[in-house]
Amino acid sequence: MVVVLTVLAGFGVQILPLIAGAGIFGVAIRFGSQTLVKDILSGVFFMINDAFRVGEYIQSGSYKGTVESFSLRSVRLRHHRGAIFTVPFGSLGAIQNESRDWVIDLMTINITYDSDVDLTRRLIKKVGQELASDPEFANDTLQPLKMQGIDSFGDFAIVLRLKLMTKPGAQFAIKRKAFLMIKTAFDENGVKIAVPTVHVESGSESAAAAQTTLKRATSRRRARLHVDFHSELTRVFHRELTRIRIKLRWSCLGQGMFAFLPLAVGGCGDCAEAETVISGFQDVAAMGVPIE
């Protein structure tokens, strides 16, 4: 490089701009190579630690999906809704792998306080045994569904805690089937699933009094709105009537009239306009709105 610059300088070429440009280019390459080296080294360590494999579902920060492939510096994730993320290894950080060995799914069910908890436990255990022996789910079930006990006493229900251990990815289908079977078993044995409700008690006299009070309040509100409407309408009419009368007076004075002429004279266009407007006001006044 030095030889090339020396030769160019011998031919009279200004080499200072070339040296400055080479320096800027070198700085850019240095920063870019740092990111590249970081991604490559991170990927190497992920592979050494066997953090994930193709086909496994992983999550890292806001990125999650099934690993479709990976290159020298990035991994390609397919989200369960179809989106694809191409994430550099240097941006992954901590990885949560959800496709290794087994998965424990914890569930809760709310039953009413008058339900038999012991009967509920036996029904759930029976459902778990039936699912474990079902050919569709037997190979994916590692531990059958069972009730661990009462999790808490809620405001409207007893909260029961359930546990299920399956192979990764199979817990969703088994869980949906378990809920369906539990609902059927509860209905057949009188166990009630609790839901939030509001219970209001009142006598017939109290209900009638409440209805009367509501009607009176509605009537008062309507009367108040009626009065407010007529007051506002009257104020608007008075303001417009005053404006028309002043305009009419100045118009008549401009034509040489020294006093306010009756509207019936119709001596000018403004007078005719005022007559039309005030006639409309008078029609509204006939509906009960006073106009002074």
C-alpha atoms as a PDB file:
ATOM      1  CA  MET A   1       0.000   0.000   0.000  1.00  0.00           C
ATOM      2  CA  VAL A   2       2.852   2.347   0.847  1.00  0.00           C
ATOM      3  CA  VAL A   3       4.561   1.533  -2.452  1.00  0.00           C
ATOM      4  CA  VAL A   4       1.399   2.315  -4.404  1.00  0.00           C
ATOM      5  CA  LEU A   5       0.985   5.660  -2.670  1.00  0.00           C
ATOM      6  CA  THR A   6       4.658   6.491  -3.300  1.00  0.00           C
ATOM      7  CA  VAL A   7       4.294   5.740  -7.014  1.00  0.00           C
ATOM      8  CA  LEU A   8       1.142   7.833  -7.242  1.00  0.00           C
ATOM      9  CA  ALA A   9       2.887  10.709  -5.479  1.00  0.00           C
ATOM     10  CA  GLY A  10       5.751  10.441  -8.015  1.00  0.00           C
ATOM     11  CA  PHE A  11       3.225  10.928 -10.822  1.00  0.00           C
ATOM     12  CA  GLY A  12       1.936  14.077  -9.128  1.00  0.00           C
ATOM     13  CA  VAL A  13      -1.256  12.580  -7.709  1.00  0.00           C
ATOM     14  CA  GLN A  14      -2.496  14.118  -4.460  1.00  0.00           C
ATOM     15  CA  ILE A  15      -2.416  11.218  -2.010  1.00  0.00           C
ATOM     16  CA  LEU A  16      -3.693  13.063   1.073  1.00  0.00           C
ATOM     17  CA  PRO A  17      -7.399  12.626   0.119  1.00  0.00           C
ATOM     18  CA  LEU A  18      -6.708   8.933  -0.543  1.00  0.00           C
ATOM     19  CA  ILE A  19      -5.105   8.520   2.878  1.00  0.00           C
ATOM     20  CA  ALA A  20      -8.042  10.278   4.591  1.00  0.00           C
ATOM     21  CA  GLY A  21     -10.590   8.156   2.717  1.00  0.00           C
ATOM     22  CA  ALA A  22      -8.713   4.977   3.553  1.00  0.00           C
ATOM     23  CA  GLY A  23      -8.747   5.952   7.220  1.00  0.00           C
ATOM     24  CA  ILE A  24     -12.518   6.490   7.256  1.00  0.00           C
ATOM     25  CA  PHE A  25     -13.055   3.228   5.391  1.00  0.00           C
ATOM     26  CA  GLY A  26     -10.865   1.419   7.872  1.00  0.00           C
ATOM     27  CA  VAL A  27     -12.829   2.754  10.832  1.00  0.00           C
ATOM     28  CA  ALA A  28     -16.114   1.607   9.246  1.00  0.00           C
ATOM     29  CA  ILE A  29     -14.674  -1.850   8.560  1.00  0.00           C
ATOM     30  CA  ARG A  30     -13.428  -2.065  12.140  1.00  0.00           C
ATOM     31  CA  PHE A  31     -16.845  -1.323  13.656  1.00  0.00           C
ATOM     32  CA  GLY A  32     -18.632  -3.644  11.231  1.00  0.00           C
ATOM     33  CA  SER A  33     -16.185  -6.450  11.876  1.00  0.00           C
ATOM     34  CA  GLN A  34     -16.767  -6.167  15.621  1.00  0.00           C
ATOM     35  CA  THR A  35     -20.494  -6.893  15.179  1.00  0.00           C
ATOM     36  CA  LEU A  36     -19.746  -9.679  12.695  1.00  0.00           C
ATOM     37  CA  VAL A  37     -17.199 -11.301  14.994  1.00  0.00           C
ATOM     38  CA  LYS A  38     -19.618 -11.034  17.915  1.00  0.00           C
ATOM     39  CA  ASP A  39     -22.403 -12.768  15.965  1.00  0.00           C
ATOM     40  CA  ILE A  40     -20.117 -15.543  14.738  1.00  0.00           C
ATOM     41  CA  LEU A  41     -18.584 -16.237  18.142  1.00  0.00           C
ATOM     42  CA  SER A  42     -22.012 -16.210  19.829  1.00  0.00           C
ATOM     43  CA  GLY A  43     -23.278 -18.723  17.280  1.00  0.00           C
ATOM     44  CA  VAL A  44     -20.298 -20.967  17.878  1.00  0.00           C
ATOM     45  CA  PHE A  45     -20.928 -21.030  21.615  1.00  0.00           C
ATOM     46  CA  PHE A  46     -24.651 -21.690  21.096  1.00  0.00           C
ATOM     47  CA  MET A  47     -23.748 -24.694  18.945  1.00  0.00           C
ATOM     48  CA  ILE A  48     -21.179 -25.956  21.457  1.00  0.00           C
ATOM     49  CA  ASN A  49     -23.721 -25.727  24.289  1.00  0.00           C
ATOM     50  CA  ASP A  50     -26.393 -27.397  22.147  1.00  0.00           C
ATOM     51  CA  ALA A  51     -28.783 -24.580  23.053  1.00  0.00           C
ATOM     52  CA  PHE A  52     -31.227 -25.372  20.242  1.00  0.00           C
ATOM     53  CA  ARG A  53     -31.681 -27.528  17.184  1.00  0.00           C
ATOM     54  CA  VAL A  54     -33.653 -27.319  13.956  1.00  0.00           C
ATOM     55  CA  GLY A  55     -37.331 -28.003  14.667  1.00  0.00           C
ATOM     56  CA  GLU A  56     -37.286 -26.876  18.293  1.00  0.00           C
ATOM     57  CA  TYR A  57     -39.400 -24.041  19.660  1.00  0.00           C
ATOM     58  CA  ILE A  58     -37.336 -21.386  21.417  1.00  0.00           C
ATOM     59  CA  GLN A  59     -37.911 -17.938  22.869  1.00  0.00           C
ATOM     60  CA  SER A  60     -35.423 -15.140  23.421  1.00  0.00           C
ATOM     61  CA  GLY A  61     -36.745 -11.773  24.541  1.00  0.00           C
ATOM     62  CA  SER A  62     -39.404 -10.670  22.050  1.00  0.00           C
ATOM     63  CA  TYR A  63     -38.372 -13.346  19.523  1.00  0.00           C
ATOM     64  CA  LYS A  64     -39.956 -16.782  19.611  1.00  0.00           C
ATOM     65  CA  GLY A  65     -40.691 -19.503  17.116  1.00  0.00           C
ATOM     66  CA  THR A  66     -39.591 -22.824  15.671  1.00  0.00           C
ATOM     67  CA  VAL A  67     -35.995 -22.990  14.468  1.00  0.00           C
ATOM     68  CA  GLU A  68     -36.086 -23.520  10.711  1.00  0.00           C
ATOM     69  CA  SER A  69     -32.406 -22.989   9.920  1.00  0.00           C
ATOM     70  CA  PHE A  70     -29.323 -21.050  10.946  1.00  0.00           C
ATOM     71  CA  SER A  71     -26.334 -19.635   9.125  1.00  0.00           C
ATOM     72  CA  LEU A  72     -22.886 -18.481  10.168  1.00  0.00           C
ATOM     73  CA  ARG A  73     -24.178 -15.415  12.025  1.00  0.00           C
ATOM     74  CA  SER A  74     -27.972 -15.684  12.430  1.00  0.00           C
ATOM     75  CA  VAL A  75     -30.873 -18.036  13.172  1.00  0.00           C
ATOM     76  CA  ARG A  76     -34.192 -18.217  11.328  1.00  0.00           C
ATOM     77  CA  LEU A  77     -37.311 -18.559  13.544  1.00  0.00           C
ATOM     78  CA  ARG A  78     -40.849 -19.306  12.337  1.00  0.00           C
ATOM     79  CA  HIS A  79     -43.470 -17.824  14.658  1.00  0.00           C
ATOM     80  CA  HIS A  80     -46.547 -19.968  15.353  1.00  0.00           C
ATOM     81  CA  ARG A  81     -48.629 -17.355  13.510  1.00  0.00           C
ATOM     82  CA  GLY A  82     -46.455 -17.558  10.419  1.00  0.00           C
ATOM     83  CA  ALA A  83     -44.021 -14.640  10.775  1.00  0.00           C
ATOM     84  CA  ILE A  84     -40.311 -15.310  10.230  1.00  0.00           C
ATOM     85  CA  PHE A  85     -37.591 -13.750  12.390  1.00  0.00           C
ATOM     86  CA  THR A  86     -33.980 -13.666  11.251  1.00  0.00           C
ATOM     87  CA  VAL A  87     -32.060 -12.936  14.436  1.00  0.00           C
ATOM     88  CA  PRO A  88     -28.273 -12.458  14.671  1.00  0.00           C
ATOM     89  CA  PHE A  89     -26.697 -14.735  17.268  1.00  0.00           C
ATOM     90  CA  GLY A  90     -25.267 -11.715  19.042  1.00  0.00           C
ATOM     91  CA  SER A  91     -28.797 -10.400  19.713  1.00  0.00           C
ATOM     92  CA  LEU A  92     -30.256 -13.606  21.154  1.00  0.00           C
ATOM     93  CA  GLY A  93     -28.952 -13.469  24.692  1.00  0.00           C
ATOM     94  CA  ALA A  94     -30.617 -15.945  27.070  1.00  0.00           C
ATOM     95  CA  ILE A  95     -32.640 -18.653  25.284  1.00  0.00           C
ATOM     96  CA  GLN A  96     -35.720 -20.468  26.555  1.00  0.00           C
ATOM     97  CA  ASN A  97     -36.037 -23.846  24.823  1.00  0.00           C
ATOM     98  CA  GLU A  98     -39.546 -25.268  25.100  1.00  0.00           C
ATOM     99  CA  SER A  99     -38.929 -28.466  23.128  1.00  0.00           C
ATOM    100  CA  ARG A 100     -36.679 -30.523  25.394  1.00  0.00           C
ATOM    101  CA  ASP A 101     -37.613 -33.672  27.317  1.00  0.00           C
ATOM    102  CA  TRP A 102     -40.933 -32.806  29.022  1.00  0.00           C
ATOM    103  CA  VAL A 103     -43.446 -30.062  29.832  1.00  0.00           C
ATOM    104  CA  ILE A 104     -45.558 -29.519  32.962  1.00  0.00           C
ATOM    105  CA  ASP A 105     -48.857 -27.715  32.403  1.00  0.00           C
ATOM    106  CA  LEU A 106     -50.571 -26.284  35.499  1.00  0.00           C
ATOM    107  CA  MET A 107     -54.291 -25.515  35.329  1.00  0.00           C
ATOM    108  CA  THR A 108     -56.977 -24.179  37.665  1.00  0.00           C
ATOM    109  CA  ILE A 109     -60.711 -24.917  37.842  1.00  0.00           C
ATOM    110  CA  ASN A 110     -63.310 -23.007  39.900  1.00  0.00           C
ATOM    111  CA  ILE A 111     -66.113 -24.937  41.562  1.00  0.00           C
ATOM    112  CA  THR A 112     -68.914 -23.645  43.768  1.00  0.00           C
ATOM    113  CA  TYR A 113     -68.683 -23.816  47.566  1.00  0.00           C
ATOM    114  CA  ASP A 114     -71.521 -26.339  47.790  1.00  0.00           C
ATOM    115  CA  SER A 115     -69.708 -28.830  45.507  1.00  0.00           C
ATOM    116  CA  ASP A 116     -68.130 -32.025  46.853  1.00  0.00           C
ATOM    117  CA  VAL A 117     -64.354 -31.519  46.643  1.00  0.00           C
ATOM    118  CA  ASP A 118     -63.538 -35.192  47.239  1.00  0.00           C
ATOM    119  CA  LEU A 119     -65.912 -36.249  44.462  1.00  0.00           C
ATOM    120  CA  THR A 120     -64.343 -33.640  42.200  1.00  0.00           C
ATOM    121  CA  ARG A 121     -60.862 -35.067  42.919  1.00  0.00           C
ATOM    122  CA  ARG A 122     -61.997 -38.590  41.997  1.00  0.00           C
ATOM    123  CA  LEU A 123     -63.634 -37.388  38.786  1.00  0.00           C
ATOM    124  CA  ILE A 124     -60.499 -35.517  37.681  1.00  0.00           C
ATOM    125  CA  LYS A 125     -58.319 -38.539  38.482  1.00  0.00           C
ATOM    126  CA  LYS A 126     -60.616 -40.748  36.402  1.00  0.00           C
ATOM    127  CA  VAL A 127     -60.430 -38.329  33.474  1.00  0.00           C
ATOM    128  CA  GLY A 128     -56.616 -38.367  33.710  1.00  0.00           C
ATOM    129  CA  GLN A 129     -56.519 -42.155  33.642  1.00  0.00           C
ATOM    130  CA  GLU A 130     -58.832 -42.310  30.638  1.00  0.00           C
ATOM    131  CA  LEU A 131     -56.641 -39.801  28.754  1.00  0.00           C
ATOM    132  CA  ALA A 132     -53.471 -41.739  29.621  1.00  0.00           C
ATOM    133  CA  SER A 133     -55.006 -44.937  28.230  1.00  0.00           C
ATOM    134  CA  ASP A 134     -56.382 -43.246  25.108  1.00  0.00           C
ATOM    135  CA  PRO A 135     -54.316 -44.414  22.072  1.00  0.00           C
ATOM    136  CA  GLU A 136     -54.391 -40.847  20.715  1.00  0.00           C
ATOM    137  CA  PHE A 137     -52.673 -39.378  23.781  1.00  0.00           C
ATOM    138  CA  ALA A 138     -50.981 -42.344  25.485  1.00  0.00           C
ATOM    139  CA  ASN A 139     -47.574 -41.890  23.857  1.00  0.00           C
ATOM    140  CA  ASP A 140     -47.458 -38.169  24.691  1.00  0.00           C
ATOM    141  CA  THR A 141     -48.631 -38.427  28.305  1.00  0.00           C
ATOM    142  CA  LEU A 142     -45.746 -38.799  30.779  1.00  0.00           C
ATOM    143  CA  GLN A 143     -47.808 -38.320  33.948  1.00  0.00           C
ATOM    144  CA  PRO A 144     -51.624 -38.432  33.890  1.00  0.00           C
ATOM    145  CA  LEU A 145     -53.755 -35.470  34.833  1.00  0.00           C
ATOM    146  CA  LYS A 146     -54.377 -35.172  38.571  1.00  0.00           C
ATOM    147  CA  MET A 147     -55.655 -32.666  41.094  1.00  0.00           C
ATOM    148  CA  GLN A 148     -52.958 -31.334  43.401  1.00  0.00           C
ATOM    149  CA  GLY A 149     -55.451 -29.892  45.863  1.00  0.00           C
ATOM    150  CA  ILE A 150     -57.219 -26.644  46.737  1.00  0.00           C
ATOM    151  CA  ASP A 151     -55.200 -23.691  45.505  1.00  0.00           C
ATOM    152  CA  SER A 152     -57.242 -20.946  47.201  1.00  0.00           C
ATOM    153  CA  PHE A 153     -60.685 -19.848  48.344  1.00  0.00           C
ATOM    154  CA  GLY A 154     -61.891 -17.156  45.966  1.00  0.00           C
ATOM    155  CA  ASP A 155     -64.675 -14.637  46.308  1.00  0.00           C
ATOM    156  CA  PHE A 156     -67.161 -16.840  44.513  1.00  0.00           C
ATOM    157  CA  ALA A 157     -65.440 -20.221  44.089  1.00  0.00           C
ATOM    158  CA  ILE A 158     -63.053 -22.855  45.392  1.00  0.00           C
ATOM    159  CA  VAL A 159     -59.978 -22.770  43.144  1.00  0.00           C
ATOM    160  CA  LEU A 160     -58.569 -26.237  42.384  1.00  0.00           C
ATOM    161  CA  ARG A 161     -55.057 -26.784  41.006  1.00  0.00           C
ATOM    162  CA  LEU A 162     -54.410 -29.455  38.364  1.00  0.00           C
ATOM    163  CA  LYS A 163     -51.130 -30.812  36.977  1.00  0.00           C
ATOM    164  CA  LEU A 164     -50.292 -32.554  33.704  1.00  0.00           C
ATOM    165  CA  MET A 165     -46.895 -33.715  32.383  1.00  0.00           C
ATOM    166  CA  THR A 166     -46.532 -34.421  28.663  1.00  0.00           C
ATOM    167  CA  LYS A 167     -44.017 -34.371  25.870  1.00  0.00           C
ATOM    168  CA  PRO A 168     -43.215 -30.861  24.553  1.00  0.00           C
ATOM    169  CA  GLY A 169     -45.919 -29.517  22.248  1.00  0.00           C
ATOM    170  CA  ALA A 170     -48.501 -32.182  23.115  1.00  0.00           C
ATOM    171  CA  GLN A 171     -49.881 -30.424  26.188  1.00  0.00           C
ATOM    172  CA  PHE A 172     -52.244 -28.182  24.239  1.00  0.00           C
ATOM    173  CA  ALA A 173     -54.308 -30.953  22.621  1.00  0.00           C
ATOM    174  CA  ILE A 174     -54.397 -33.030  25.828  1.00  0.00           C
ATOM    175  CA  LYS A 175     -55.451 -29.998  27.862  1.00  0.00           C
ATOM    176  CA  ARG A 176     -58.349 -29.172  25.526  1.00  0.00           C
ATOM    177  CA  LYS A 177     -59.547 -32.799  25.598  1.00  0.00           C
ATOM    178  CA  ALA A 178     -59.231 -32.907  29.390  1.00  0.00           C
ATOM    179  CA  PHE A 179     -61.374 -29.801  29.854  1.00  0.00           C
ATOM    180  CA  LEU A 180     -64.073 -31.285  27.618  1.00  0.00           C
ATOM    181  CA  MET A 181     -64.126 -34.553  29.572  1.00  0.00           C
ATOM    182  CA  ILE A 182     -64.095 -32.739  32.936  1.00  0.00           C
ATOM    183  CA  LYS A 183     -67.095 -30.623  31.921  1.00  0.00           C
ATOM    184  CA  THR A 184     -69.033 -33.745  30.924  1.00  0.00           C
ATOM    185  CA  ALA A 185     -68.120 -35.561  34.154  1.00  0.00           C
ATOM    186  CA  PHE A 186     -69.115 -32.564  36.287  1.00  0.00           C
ATOM    187  CA  ASP A 187     -72.507 -32.264  34.587  1.00  0.00           C
ATOM    188  CA  GLU A 188     -73.220 -35.961  35.104  1.00  0.00           C
ATOM    189  CA  ASN A 189     -72.292 -35.905  38.809  1.00  0.00           C
ATOM    190  CA  GLY A 190     -73.731 -32.555  39.908  1.00  0.00           C
ATOM    191  CA  VAL A 191     -70.461 -30.671  40.363  1.00  0.00           C
ATOM    192  CA  LYS A 192     -70.972 -27.021  39.436  1.00  0.00           C
ATOM    193  CA  ILE A 193     -68.354 -24.832  37.789  1.00  0.00           C
ATOM    194  CA  ALA A 194     -68.422 -21.441  39.508  1.00  0.00           C
ATOM    195  CA  VAL A 195     -68.876 -18.208  37.582  1.00  0.00           C
ATOM    196  CA  PRO A 196     -69.095 -14.625  38.901  1.00  0.00           C
ATOM    197  CA  THR A 197     -72.719 -13.639  39.644  1.00  0.00           C
ATOM    198  CA  VAL A 198     -74.557 -10.700  41.205  1.00  0.00           C
ATOM    199  CA  HIS A 199     -77.506 -11.508  43.486  1.00  0.00           C
ATOM    200  CA  VAL A 200     -79.936  -8.717  44.375  1.00  0.00           C
ATOM    201  CA  GLU A 201     -82.771  -9.222  46.893  1.00  0.00           C
ATOM    202  CA  SER A 202     -85.634  -6.780  47.382  1.00  0.00           C
ATOM    203  CA  GLY A 203     -89.296  -6.887  48.408  1.00  0.00           C
ATOM    204  CA  SER A 204     -92.204  -5.920  46.153  1.00  0.00           C
ATOM    205  CA  GLU A 205     -92.807  -2.672  48.084  1.00  0.00           C
ATOM    206  CA  SER A 206     -89.149  -1.643  47.760  1.00  0.00           C
ATOM    207  CA  ALA A 207     -89.203  -2.392  44.044  1.00  0.00           C
ATOM    208  CA  ALA A 208     -92.383  -0.318  43.585  1.00  0.00           C
ATOM    209  CA  ALA A 209     -90.877   2.566  45.566  1.00  0.00           C
ATOM    210  CA  ALA A 210     -87.703   2.420  43.487  1.00  0.00           C
ATOM    211  CA  GLN A 211     -89.750   2.467  40.292  1.00  0.00           C
ATOM    212  CA  THR A 212     -91.741   5.490  41.494  1.00  0.00           C
ATOM    213  CA  THR A 213     -88.579   7.339  42.470  1.00  0.00           C
ATOM    214  CA  LEU A 214     -87.080   6.624  39.063  1.00  0.00           C
ATOM    215  CA  LYS A 215     -90.173   7.965  37.278  1.00  0.00           C
ATOM    216  CA  ARG A 216     -90.161  11.142  39.360  1.00  0.00           C
ATOM    217  CA  ALA A 217     -86.481  11.735  38.705  1.00  0.00           C
ATOM    218  CA  THR A 218     -87.042  11.230  34.977  1.00  0.00           C
ATOM    219  CA  SER A 219     -89.985  13.662  34.958  1.00  0.00           C
ATOM    220  CA  ARG A 220     -87.978  16.328  36.822  1.00  0.00           C
ATOM    221  CA  ARG A 221     -85.081  15.942  34.422  1.00  0.00           C
ATOM    222  CA  ARG A 222     -87.338  16.307  31.388  1.00  0.00           C
ATOM    223  CA  ALA A 223     -88.996  19.418  32.870  1.00  0.00           C
ATOM    224  CA  ARG A 224     -85.596  20.966  33.614  1.00  0.00           C
ATOM    225  CA  LEU A 225     -84.400  20.294  30.073  1.00  0.00           C
ATOM    226  CA  HIS A 226     -87.624  21.828  28.685  1.00  0.00           C
ATOM    227  CA  VAL A 227     -87.159  25.007  30.743  1.00  0.00           C
ATOM    228  CA  ASP A 228     -83.478  25.284  29.814  1.00  0.00           C
ATOM    229  CA  PHE A 229     -84.313  24.864  26.128  1.00  0.00           C
ATOM    230  CA  HIS A 230     -86.974  27.593  26.159  1.00  0.00           C
ATOM    231  CA  SER A 231     -84.718  29.958  28.123  1.00  0.00           C
ATOM    232  CA  GLU A 232     -81.875  29.534  25.639  1.00  0.00           C
ATOM    233  CA  LEU A 233     -84.239  29.889  22.669  1.00  0.00           C
ATOM    234  CA  THR A 234     -85.756  33.082  24.118  1.00  0.00           C
ATOM    235  CA  ARG A 235     -82.319  34.612  24.664  1.00  0.00           C
ATOM    236  CA  VAL A 236     -81.292  33.857  21.073  1.00  0.00           C
ATOM    237  CA  PHE A 237     -84.540  35.333  19.719  1.00  0.00           C
ATOM    238  CA  HIS A 238     -84.119  38.525  21.742  1.00  0.00           C
ATOM    239  CA  ARG A 239     -80.555  38.975  20.545  1.00  0.00           C
ATOM    240  CA  GLU A 240     -81.448  38.438  16.880  1.00  0.00           C
ATOM    241  CA  LEU A 241     -84.522  40.669  17.135  1.00  0.00           C
ATOM    242  CA  THR A 242     -82.426  43.494  18.593  1.00  0.00           C
ATOM    243  CA  ARG A 243     -79.856  43.095  15.824  1.00  0.00           C
ATOM    244  CA  ILE A 244     -82.537  43.250  13.108  1.00  0.00           C
ATOM    245  CA  ARG A 245     -84.192  46.327  14.658  1.00  0.00           C
ATOM    246  CA  ILE A 246     -80.892  48.204  14.874  1.00  0.00           C
ATOM    247  CA  LYS A 247     -80.038  47.262  11.293  1.00  0.00           C
ATOM    248  CA  LEU A 248     -83.498  48.392  10.174  1.00  0.00           C
ATOM    249  CA  ARG A 249     -83.214  51.745  11.959  1.00  0.00           C
ATOM    250  CA  TRP A 250     -79.821  52.576  10.391  1.00  0.00           C
ATOM    251  CA  SER A 251     -81.028  51.467   6.977  1.00  0.00           C
ATOM    252  CA  CYS A 252     -84.040  53.722   7.163  1.00  0.00           C
ATOM    253  CA  LEU A 253     -81.939  56.634   8.393  1.00  0.00           C
ATOM    254  CA  GLY A 254     -79.592  56.105   5.440  1.00  0.00           C
ATOM    255  CA  GLN A 255     -82.533  56.655   3.109  1.00  0.00           C
ATOM    256  CA  GLY A 256     -83.417  59.963   4.721  1.00  0.00           C
ATOM    257  CA  MET A 257     -85.944  58.721   7.277  1.00  0.00           C
ATOM    258  CA  PHE A 258     -85.486  60.309  10.649  1.00  0.00           C
ATOM    259  CA  ALA A 259     -87.592  57.965  12.712  1.00  0.00           C
ATOM    260  CA  PHE A 260     -88.188  54.283  13.027  1.00  0.00           C
ATOM    261  CA  LEU A 261     -90.778  53.263  10.439  1.00  0.00           C
ATOM    262  CA  PRO A 262     -93.234  50.420  10.967  1.00  0.00           C
ATOM    263  CA  LEU A 263     -92.332  47.179   9.306  1.00  0.00           C
ATOM    264  CA  ALA A 264     -95.473  47.348   7.208  1.00  0.00           C
ATOM    265  CA  VAL A 265     -94.013  50.287   5.251  1.00  0.00           C
ATOM    266  CA  GLY A 266     -91.527  48.041   3.461  1.00  0.00           C
ATOM    267  CA  GLY A 267     -89.493  51.040   2.316  1.00  0.00           C
ATOM    268  CA  CYS A 268     -86.283  49.064   1.650  1.00  0.00           C
ATOM    269  CA  GLY A 269     -84.842  45.594   1.269  1.00  0.00           C
ATOM    270  CA  ASP A 270     -83.628  45.503   4.885  1.00  0.00           C
ATOM    271  CA  CYS A 271     -87.136  46.274   6.058  1.00  0.00           C
ATOM    272  CA  ALA A 272     -88.500  43.357   4.066  1.00  0.00           C
ATOM    273  CA  GLU A 273     -85.814  41.067   5.492  1.00  0.00           C
ATOM    274  CA  ALA A 274     -86.588  42.190   9.025  1.00  0.00           C
ATOM    275  CA  GLU A 275     -90.272  41.674   8.444  1.00  0.00           C
ATOM    276  CA  THR A 276     -89.625  38.083   7.341  1.00  0.00           C
ATOM    277  CA  VAL A 277     -87.362  37.305  10.290  1.00  0.00           C
ATOM    278  CA  ILE A 278     -89.616  38.824  12.919  1.00  0.00           C
ATOM    279  CA  SER A 279     -92.623  37.097  11.361  1.00  0.00           C
ATOM    280  CA  GLY A 280     -90.803  33.822  11.933  1.00  0.00           C
ATOM    281  CA  PHE A 281     -90.078  34.860  15.521  1.00  0.00           C
ATOM    282  CA  GLN A 282     -93.729  35.591  16.035  1.00  0.00           C
ATOM    283  CA  ASP A 283     -94.622  32.115  14.762  1.00  0.00           C
ATOM    284  CA  VAL A 284     -92.286  30.581  17.324  1.00  0.00           C
ATOM    285  CA  ALA A 285     -93.625  32.890  20.018  1.00  0.00           C
ATOM    286  CA  ALA A 286     -97.050  31.470  19.303  1.00  0.00           C
ATOM    287  CA  MET A 287     -95.654  28.121  20.545  1.00  0.00           C
ATOM    288  CA  GLY A 288     -95.196  29.605  24.012  1.00  0.00           C
ATOM    289  CA  VAL A 289     -91.805  31.383  23.780  1.00  0.00           C
ATOM    290  CA  PRO A 290     -92.177  35.018  24.924  1.00  0.00           C
ATOM    291  CA  ILE A 291     -90.555  37.651  22.691  1.00  0.00           C
ATOM    292  CA  GLU A 292     -90.254  41.179  24.029  1.00  0.00           C
END
